[in-house]
Amino acid sequence: MLPILQLNPATVWSDLWTVLALFYLVWIFGWAKKALGSAKLAILFAVIVVYLAFFLHPDLVWIPIVLFVVANFFSPMLEKIDVFK
């Protein structure tokens, strides 16, 4: 059997975590580059934020994912609820 086809749950979880970290890094870099105006400062800011989120507070990583899912998949339902009227 090819080694690429052997799926170990630990390696799948590790790969998912790495892809998620890269996604956050690119996302935060894009935002920070517009907000800070400097690419070097944006890289530094993004690396610090991703390090803090993924290595020191890994439970906080799932909050933006939940917000993304709610904003994209439940927005029609949330638009029908008039909270402020």
PDB file of N, CA and C in Angstrom:
ATOM      1  N   MET A   1       0.842  -1.185   0.000  1.00  0.00           N
ATOM      2  CA  MET A   1       0.000   0.000   0.000  1.00  0.00           C
ATOM      3  C   MET A   1       0.889   1.252   0.000  1.00  0.00           C
ATOM      4  N   LEU A   2       0.456   2.238  -0.703  1.00  0.00           N
ATOM      5  CA  LEU A   2       1.209   3.475  -0.764  1.00  0.00           C
ATOM      6  C   LEU A   2       1.172   4.192   0.575  1.00  0.00           C
ATOM      7  N   PRO A   3       2.266   4.791   0.986  1.00  0.00           N
ATOM      8  CA  PRO A   3       2.275   5.482   2.282  1.00  0.00           C
ATOM      9  C   PRO A   3       1.322   6.673   2.332  1.00  0.00           C
ATOM     10  N   ILE A   4       1.012   7.240   1.177  1.00  0.00           N
ATOM     11  CA  ILE A   4       0.119   8.403   1.166  1.00  0.00           C
ATOM     12  C   ILE A   4      -1.324   8.006   1.494  1.00  0.00           C
ATOM     13  N   LEU A   5      -1.664   6.741   1.257  1.00  0.00           N
ATOM     14  CA  LEU A   5      -3.027   6.297   1.495  1.00  0.00           C
ATOM     15  C   LEU A   5      -3.263   5.811   2.914  1.00  0.00           C
ATOM     16  N   GLN A   6      -2.229   5.714   3.714  1.00  0.00           N
ATOM     17  CA  GLN A   6      -2.389   5.284   5.093  1.00  0.00           C
ATOM     18  C   GLN A   6      -2.781   6.491   5.934  1.00  0.00           C
ATOM     19  N   LEU A   7      -4.019   6.483   6.392  1.00  0.00           N
ATOM     20  CA  LEU A   7      -4.521   7.616   7.158  1.00  0.00           C
ATOM     21  C   LEU A   7      -4.489   7.292   8.638  1.00  0.00           C
ATOM     22  N   ASN A   8      -3.708   8.033   9.337  1.00  0.00           N
ATOM     23  CA  ASN A   8      -3.634   7.928  10.775  1.00  0.00           C
ATOM     24  C   ASN A   8      -4.397   9.113  11.351  1.00  0.00           C
ATOM     25  N   PRO A   9      -5.297   8.895  12.305  1.00  0.00           N
ATOM     26  CA  PRO A   9      -6.072  10.033  12.833  1.00  0.00           C
ATOM     27  C   PRO A   9      -5.200  11.154  13.404  1.00  0.00           C
ATOM     28  N   ALA A  10      -4.062  10.803  13.973  1.00  0.00           N
ATOM     29  CA  ALA A  10      -3.186  11.842  14.524  1.00  0.00           C
ATOM     30  C   ALA A  10      -2.579  12.699  13.420  1.00  0.00           C
ATOM     31  N   THR A  11      -2.185  12.071  12.318  1.00  0.00           N
ATOM     32  CA  THR A  11      -1.599  12.859  11.235  1.00  0.00           C
ATOM     33  C   THR A  11      -2.652  13.674  10.501  1.00  0.00           C
ATOM     34  N   VAL A  12      -3.854  13.140  10.393  1.00  0.00           N
ATOM     35  CA  VAL A  12      -4.931  13.909   9.760  1.00  0.00           C
ATOM     36  C   VAL A  12      -5.238  15.145  10.597  1.00  0.00           C
ATOM     37  N   TRP A  13      -5.320  14.975  11.912  1.00  0.00           N
ATOM     38  CA  TRP A  13      -5.584  16.106  12.809  1.00  0.00           C
ATOM     39  C   TRP A  13      -4.451  17.127  12.738  1.00  0.00           C
ATOM     40  N   SER A  14      -3.208  16.654  12.680  1.00  0.00           N
ATOM     41  CA  SER A  14      -2.053  17.549  12.592  1.00  0.00           C
ATOM     42  C   SER A  14      -2.067  18.313  11.269  1.00  0.00           C
ATOM     43  N   ASP A  15      -2.395  17.633  10.182  1.00  0.00           N
ATOM     44  CA  ASP A  15      -2.464  18.304   8.881  1.00  0.00           C
ATOM     45  C   ASP A  15      -3.587  19.333   8.844  1.00  0.00           C
ATOM     46  N   LEU A  16      -4.721  19.002   9.411  1.00  0.00           N
ATOM     47  CA  LEU A  16      -5.835  19.944   9.486  1.00  0.00           C
ATOM     48  C   LEU A  16      -5.445  21.175  10.300  1.00  0.00           C
ATOM     49  N   TRP A  17      -4.757  20.961  11.398  1.00  0.00           N
ATOM     50  CA  TRP A  17      -4.314  22.062  12.252  1.00  0.00           C
ATOM     51  C   TRP A  17      -3.339  22.963  11.500  1.00  0.00           C
ATOM     52  N   THR A  18      -2.445  22.376  10.702  1.00  0.00           N
ATOM     53  CA  THR A  18      -1.479  23.153   9.923  1.00  0.00           C
ATOM     54  C   THR A  18      -2.172  23.966   8.837  1.00  0.00           C
ATOM     55  N   VAL A  19      -3.118  23.359   8.145  1.00  0.00           N
ATOM     56  CA  VAL A  19      -3.864  24.081   7.105  1.00  0.00           C
ATOM     57  C   VAL A  19      -4.664  25.218   7.719  1.00  0.00           C
ATOM     58  N   LEU A  20      -5.277  24.974   8.856  1.00  0.00           N
ATOM     59  CA  LEU A  20      -6.038  26.011   9.541  1.00  0.00           C
ATOM     60  C   LEU A  20      -5.130  27.157   9.984  1.00  0.00           C
ATOM     61  N   ALA A  21      -3.945  26.842  10.465  1.00  0.00           N
ATOM     62  CA  ALA A  21      -2.987  27.879  10.874  1.00  0.00           C
ATOM     63  C   ALA A  21      -2.552  28.717   9.673  1.00  0.00           C
ATOM     64  N   LEU A  22      -2.296  28.073   8.543  1.00  0.00           N
ATOM     65  CA  LEU A  22      -1.909  28.824   7.349  1.00  0.00           C
ATOM     66  C   LEU A  22      -3.053  29.700   6.843  1.00  0.00           C
ATOM     67  N   PHE A  23      -4.276  29.178   6.906  1.00  0.00           N
ATOM     68  CA  PHE A  23      -5.427  29.969   6.504  1.00  0.00           C
ATOM     69  C   PHE A  23      -5.562  31.218   7.370  1.00  0.00           C
ATOM     70  N   TYR A  24      -5.447  31.039   8.697  1.00  0.00           N
ATOM     71  CA  TYR A  24      -5.513  32.189   9.605  1.00  0.00           C
ATOM     72  C   TYR A  24      -4.371  33.162   9.353  1.00  0.00           C
ATOM     73  N   LEU A  25      -3.187  32.633   9.085  1.00  0.00           N
ATOM     74  CA  LEU A  25      -2.037  33.497   8.845  1.00  0.00           C
ATOM     75  C   LEU A  25      -2.256  34.380   7.630  1.00  0.00           C
ATOM     76  N   VAL A  26      -2.744  33.799   6.545  1.00  0.00           N
ATOM     77  CA  VAL A  26      -2.998  34.577   5.325  1.00  0.00           C
ATOM     78  C   VAL A  26      -4.140  35.560   5.546  1.00  0.00           C
ATOM     79  N   TRP A  27      -5.180  35.125   6.244  1.00  0.00           N
ATOM     80  CA  TRP A  27      -6.332  35.990   6.508  1.00  0.00           C
ATOM     81  C   TRP A  27      -5.933  37.190   7.361  1.00  0.00           C
ATOM     82  N   ILE A  28      -5.208  36.954   8.427  1.00  0.00           N
ATOM     83  CA  ILE A  28      -4.791  38.043   9.320  1.00  0.00           C
ATOM     84  C   ILE A  28      -3.767  38.934   8.611  1.00  0.00           C
ATOM     85  N   PHE A  29      -2.894  38.338   7.805  1.00  0.00           N
ATOM     86  CA  PHE A  29      -1.930  39.148   7.062  1.00  0.00           C
ATOM     87  C   PHE A  29      -2.632  40.098   6.102  1.00  0.00           C
ATOM     88  N   GLY A  30      -3.643  39.599   5.392  1.00  0.00           N
ATOM     89  CA  GLY A  30      -4.387  40.457   4.461  1.00  0.00           C
ATOM     90  C   GLY A  30      -5.064  41.609   5.166  1.00  0.00           C
ATOM     91  N   TRP A  31      -5.648  41.318   6.322  1.00  0.00           N
ATOM     92  CA  TRP A  31      -6.305  42.386   7.073  1.00  0.00           C
ATOM     93  C   TRP A  31      -5.280  43.361   7.633  1.00  0.00           C
ATOM     94  N   ALA A  32      -4.189  42.834   8.201  1.00  0.00           N
ATOM     95  CA  ALA A  32      -3.189  43.692   8.834  1.00  0.00           C
ATOM     96  C   ALA A  32      -2.456  44.546   7.815  1.00  0.00           C
ATOM     97  N   LYS A  33      -2.277  44.033   6.610  1.00  0.00           N
ATOM     98  CA  LYS A  33      -1.597  44.829   5.581  1.00  0.00           C
ATOM     99  C   LYS A  33      -2.417  46.055   5.223  1.00  0.00           C
ATOM    100  N   LYS A  34      -3.743  45.887   5.150  1.00  0.00           N
ATOM    101  CA  LYS A  34      -4.601  47.050   4.879  1.00  0.00           C
ATOM    102  C   LYS A  34      -4.651  47.979   6.092  1.00  0.00           C
ATOM    103  N   ALA A  35      -4.725  47.409   7.287  1.00  0.00           N
ATOM    104  CA  ALA A  35      -4.884  48.226   8.489  1.00  0.00           C
ATOM    105  C   ALA A  35      -3.594  48.933   8.891  1.00  0.00           C
ATOM    106  N   LEU A  36      -2.461  48.240   8.769  1.00  0.00           N
ATOM    107  CA  LEU A  36      -1.195  48.825   9.214  1.00  0.00           C
ATOM    108  C   LEU A  36      -0.465  49.566   8.109  1.00  0.00           C
ATOM    109  N   GLY A  37      -0.694  49.182   6.857  1.00  0.00           N
ATOM    110  CA  GLY A  37      -0.069  49.860   5.739  1.00  0.00           C
ATOM    111  C   GLY A  37       1.333  49.392   5.404  1.00  0.00           C
ATOM    112  N   SER A  38       1.882  48.500   6.173  1.00  0.00           N
ATOM    113  CA  SER A  38       3.233  48.010   5.930  1.00  0.00           C
ATOM    114  C   SER A  38       3.204  46.485   5.893  1.00  0.00           C
ATOM    115  N   ALA A  39       3.822  45.915   4.873  1.00  0.00           N
ATOM    116  CA  ALA A  39       3.829  44.454   4.746  1.00  0.00           C
ATOM    117  C   ALA A  39       4.685  43.800   5.824  1.00  0.00           C
ATOM    118  N   LYS A  40       5.797  44.431   6.195  1.00  0.00           N
ATOM    119  CA  LYS A  40       6.665  43.859   7.225  1.00  0.00           C
ATOM    120  C   LYS A  40       5.976  43.842   8.585  1.00  0.00           C
ATOM    121  N   LEU A  41       5.314  44.931   8.933  1.00  0.00           N
ATOM    122  CA  LEU A  41       4.563  44.956  10.190  1.00  0.00           C
ATOM    123  C   LEU A  41       3.399  43.982  10.163  1.00  0.00           C
ATOM    124  N   ALA A  42       2.778  43.839   9.013  1.00  0.00           N
ATOM    125  CA  ALA A  42       1.653  42.913   8.886  1.00  0.00           C
ATOM    126  C   ALA A  42       2.109  41.472   9.074  1.00  0.00           C
ATOM    127  N   ILE A  43       3.269  41.108   8.522  1.00  0.00           N
ATOM    128  CA  ILE A  43       3.797  39.757   8.711  1.00  0.00           C
ATOM    129  C   ILE A  43       4.101  39.511  10.172  1.00  0.00           C
ATOM    130  N   LEU A  44       4.755  40.458  10.808  1.00  0.00           N
ATOM    131  CA  LEU A  44       5.080  40.315  12.228  1.00  0.00           C
ATOM    132  C   LEU A  44       3.815  40.177  13.068  1.00  0.00           C
ATOM    133  N   PHE A  45       2.832  41.017  12.816  1.00  0.00           N
ATOM    134  CA  PHE A  45       1.577  40.971  13.549  1.00  0.00           C
ATOM    135  C   PHE A  45       0.864  39.637  13.337  1.00  0.00           C
ATOM    136  N   ALA A  46       0.790  39.178  12.097  1.00  0.00           N
ATOM    137  CA  ALA A  46       0.097  37.933  11.786  1.00  0.00           C
ATOM    138  C   ALA A  46       0.783  36.735  12.428  1.00  0.00           C
ATOM    139  N   VAL A  47       2.095  36.700  12.394  1.00  0.00           N
ATOM    140  CA  VAL A  47       2.829  35.587  13.005  1.00  0.00           C
ATOM    141  C   VAL A  47       2.621  35.569  14.515  1.00  0.00           C
ATOM    142  N   ILE A  48       2.645  36.717  15.147  1.00  0.00           N
ATOM    143  CA  ILE A  48       2.435  36.782  16.602  1.00  0.00           C
ATOM    144  C   ILE A  48       1.025  36.336  16.962  1.00  0.00           C
ATOM    145  N   VAL A  49       0.034  36.803  16.231  1.00  0.00           N
ATOM    146  CA  VAL A  49      -1.353  36.440  16.533  1.00  0.00           C
ATOM    147  C   VAL A  49      -1.591  34.950  16.314  1.00  0.00           C
ATOM    148  N   VAL A  50      -1.091  34.406  15.222  1.00  0.00           N
ATOM    149  CA  VAL A  50      -1.276  32.975  14.956  1.00  0.00           C
ATOM    150  C   VAL A  50      -0.527  32.140  15.991  1.00  0.00           C
ATOM    151  N   TYR A  51       0.668  32.565  16.376  1.00  0.00           N
ATOM    152  CA  TYR A  51       1.400  31.836  17.423  1.00  0.00           C
ATOM    153  C   TYR A  51       0.627  31.838  18.729  1.00  0.00           C
ATOM    154  N   LEU A  52       0.140  32.996  19.122  1.00  0.00           N
ATOM    155  CA  LEU A  52      -0.614  33.074  20.372  1.00  0.00           C
ATOM    156  C   LEU A  52      -1.891  32.246  20.320  1.00  0.00           C
ATOM    157  N   ALA A  53      -2.566  32.295  19.191  1.00  0.00           N
ATOM    158  CA  ALA A  53      -3.833  31.571  19.075  1.00  0.00           C
ATOM    159  C   ALA A  53      -3.630  30.066  19.007  1.00  0.00           C
ATOM    160  N   PHE A  54      -2.680  29.606  18.219  1.00  0.00           N
ATOM    161  CA  PHE A  54      -2.557  28.173  17.977  1.00  0.00           C
ATOM    162  C   PHE A  54      -1.719  27.450  19.023  1.00  0.00           C
ATOM    163  N   PHE A  55      -0.767  28.126  19.641  1.00  0.00           N
ATOM    164  CA  PHE A  55       0.094  27.431  20.589  1.00  0.00           C
ATOM    165  C   PHE A  55      -0.223  27.740  22.042  1.00  0.00           C
ATOM    166  N   LEU A  56      -0.667  28.947  22.340  1.00  0.00           N
ATOM    167  CA  LEU A  56      -0.941  29.287  23.733  1.00  0.00           C
ATOM    168  C   LEU A  56      -2.416  29.172  24.098  1.00  0.00           C
ATOM    169  N   HIS A  57      -3.311  29.447  23.158  1.00  0.00           N
ATOM    170  CA  HIS A  57      -4.758  29.398  23.420  1.00  0.00           C
ATOM    171  C   HIS A  57      -5.467  28.663  22.282  1.00  0.00           C
ATOM    172  N   PRO A  58      -5.260  27.356  22.146  1.00  0.00           N
ATOM    173  CA  PRO A  58      -5.826  26.639  20.990  1.00  0.00           C
ATOM    174  C   PRO A  58      -7.345  26.540  20.994  1.00  0.00           C
ATOM    175  N   ASP A  59      -7.980  26.719  22.139  1.00  0.00           N
ATOM    176  CA  ASP A  59      -9.448  26.679  22.168  1.00  0.00           C
ATOM    177  C   ASP A  59     -10.064  27.885  21.488  1.00  0.00           C
ATOM    178  N   LEU A  60      -9.344  28.992  21.435  1.00  0.00           N
ATOM    179  CA  LEU A  60      -9.864  30.204  20.804  1.00  0.00           C
ATOM    180  C   LEU A  60      -9.862  30.127  19.284  1.00  0.00           C
ATOM    181  N   VAL A  61      -9.205  29.134  18.732  1.00  0.00           N
ATOM    182  CA  VAL A  61      -9.138  28.985  17.279  1.00  0.00           C
ATOM    183  C   VAL A  61     -10.522  28.706  16.707  1.00  0.00           C
ATOM    184  N   TRP A  62     -11.353  28.010  17.442  1.00  0.00           N
ATOM    185  CA  TRP A  62     -12.652  27.578  16.915  1.00  0.00           C
ATOM    186  C   TRP A  62     -13.690  28.690  16.918  1.00  0.00           C
ATOM    187  N   ILE A  63     -13.493  29.776  17.641  1.00  0.00           N
ATOM    188  CA  ILE A  63     -14.474  30.860  17.691  1.00  0.00           C
ATOM    189  C   ILE A  63     -14.666  31.517  16.317  1.00  0.00           C
ATOM    190  N   PRO A  64     -13.596  31.903  15.595  1.00  0.00           N
ATOM    191  CA  PRO A  64     -13.822  32.472  14.255  1.00  0.00           C
ATOM    192  C   PRO A  64     -14.437  31.474  13.272  1.00  0.00           C
ATOM    193  N   ILE A  65     -14.137  30.199  13.441  1.00  0.00           N
ATOM    194  CA  ILE A  65     -14.738  29.191  12.563  1.00  0.00           C
ATOM    195  C   ILE A  65     -16.239  29.135  12.786  1.00  0.00           C
ATOM    196  N   VAL A  66     -16.660  29.146  14.036  1.00  0.00           N
ATOM    197  CA  VAL A  66     -18.091  29.133  14.343  1.00  0.00           C
ATOM    198  C   VAL A  66     -18.758  30.397  13.812  1.00  0.00           C
ATOM    199  N   LEU A  67     -18.133  31.552  13.988  1.00  0.00           N
ATOM    200  CA  LEU A  67     -18.692  32.800  13.475  1.00  0.00           C
ATOM    201  C   LEU A  67     -18.778  32.794  11.954  1.00  0.00           C
ATOM    202  N   PHE A  68     -17.774  32.228  11.288  1.00  0.00           N
ATOM    203  CA  PHE A  68     -17.791  32.123   9.831  1.00  0.00           C
ATOM    204  C   PHE A  68     -18.944  31.242   9.358  1.00  0.00           C
ATOM    205  N   VAL A  69     -19.141  30.114  10.010  1.00  0.00           N
ATOM    206  CA  VAL A  69     -20.227  29.201   9.631  1.00  0.00           C
ATOM    207  C   VAL A  69     -21.586  29.857   9.862  1.00  0.00           C
ATOM    208  N   VAL A  70     -21.754  30.517  11.002  1.00  0.00           N
ATOM    209  CA  VAL A  70     -23.024  31.188  11.295  1.00  0.00           C
ATOM    210  C   VAL A  70     -23.282  32.307  10.296  1.00  0.00           C
ATOM    211  N   ALA A  71     -22.259  33.094   9.983  1.00  0.00           N
ATOM    212  CA  ALA A  71     -22.442  34.218   9.061  1.00  0.00           C
ATOM    213  C   ALA A  71     -22.755  33.759   7.638  1.00  0.00           C
ATOM    214  N   ASN A  72     -22.187  32.644   7.218  1.00  0.00           N
ATOM    215  CA  ASN A  72     -22.386  32.204   5.838  1.00  0.00           C
ATOM    216  C   ASN A  72     -23.583  31.293   5.640  1.00  0.00           C
ATOM    217  N   PHE A  73     -23.879  30.450   6.595  1.00  0.00           N
ATOM    218  CA  PHE A  73     -24.928  29.458   6.388  1.00  0.00           C
ATOM    219  C   PHE A  73     -26.247  29.808   7.073  1.00  0.00           C
ATOM    220  N   PHE A  74     -26.198  30.657   8.087  1.00  0.00           N
ATOM    221  CA  PHE A  74     -27.421  31.004   8.791  1.00  0.00           C
ATOM    222  C   PHE A  74     -27.830  32.456   8.607  1.00  0.00           C
ATOM    223  N   SER A  75     -27.168  33.177   7.687  1.00  0.00           N
ATOM    224  CA  SER A  75     -27.496  34.589   7.495  1.00  0.00           C
ATOM    225  C   SER A  75     -28.915  34.814   6.978  1.00  0.00           C
ATOM    226  N   PRO A  76     -29.457  33.986   6.074  1.00  0.00           N
ATOM    227  CA  PRO A  76     -30.857  34.224   5.673  1.00  0.00           C
ATOM    228  C   PRO A  76     -31.835  34.088   6.836  1.00  0.00           C
ATOM    229  N   MET A  77     -31.556  33.150   7.702  1.00  0.00           N
ATOM    230  CA  MET A  77     -32.424  32.962   8.860  1.00  0.00           C
ATOM    231  C   MET A  77     -32.280  34.132   9.836  1.00  0.00           C
ATOM    232  N   LEU A  78     -31.058  34.627   9.997  1.00  0.00           N
ATOM    233  CA  LEU A  78     -30.831  35.735  10.920  1.00  0.00           C
ATOM    234  C   LEU A  78     -31.389  37.052  10.381  1.00  0.00           C
ATOM    235  N   GLU A  79     -31.472  37.197   9.060  1.00  0.00           N
ATOM    236  CA  GLU A  79     -32.038  38.420   8.480  1.00  0.00           C
ATOM    237  C   GLU A  79     -33.536  38.518   8.730  1.00  0.00           C
ATOM    238  N   LYS A  80     -34.210  37.384   8.870  1.00  0.00           N
ATOM    239  CA  LYS A  80     -35.646  37.384   9.104  1.00  0.00           C
ATOM    240  C   LYS A  80     -35.989  37.786  10.542  1.00  0.00           C
ATOM    241  N   ILE A  81     -35.029  37.653  11.437  1.00  0.00           N
ATOM    242  CA  ILE A  81     -35.272  38.019  12.828  1.00  0.00           C
ATOM    243  C   ILE A  81     -34.964  39.512  12.978  1.00  0.00           C
ATOM    244  N   ASP A  82     -35.985  40.296  13.285  1.00  0.00           N
ATOM    245  CA  ASP A  82     -35.793  41.736  13.465  1.00  0.00           C
ATOM    246  C   ASP A  82     -35.580  42.019  14.948  1.00  0.00           C
ATOM    247  N   VAL A  83     -34.347  42.030  15.349  1.00  0.00           N
ATOM    248  CA  VAL A  83     -34.010  42.239  16.748  1.00  0.00           C
ATOM    249  C   VAL A  83     -34.172  43.697  17.140  1.00  0.00           C
ATOM    250  N   PHE A  84     -33.826  44.596  16.241  1.00  0.00           N
ATOM    251  CA  PHE A  84     -33.799  46.000  16.562  1.00  0.00           C
ATOM    252  C   PHE A  84     -35.066  46.751  16.172  1.00  0.00           C
ATOM    253  N   LYS A  85     -36.109  46.053  15.762  1.00  0.00           N
ATOM    254  CA  LYS A  85     -37.356  46.743  15.420  1.00  0.00           C
ATOM    255  C   LYS A  85     -38.368  46.580  16.514  1.00  0.00           C
TER     256      LYS A  85
END
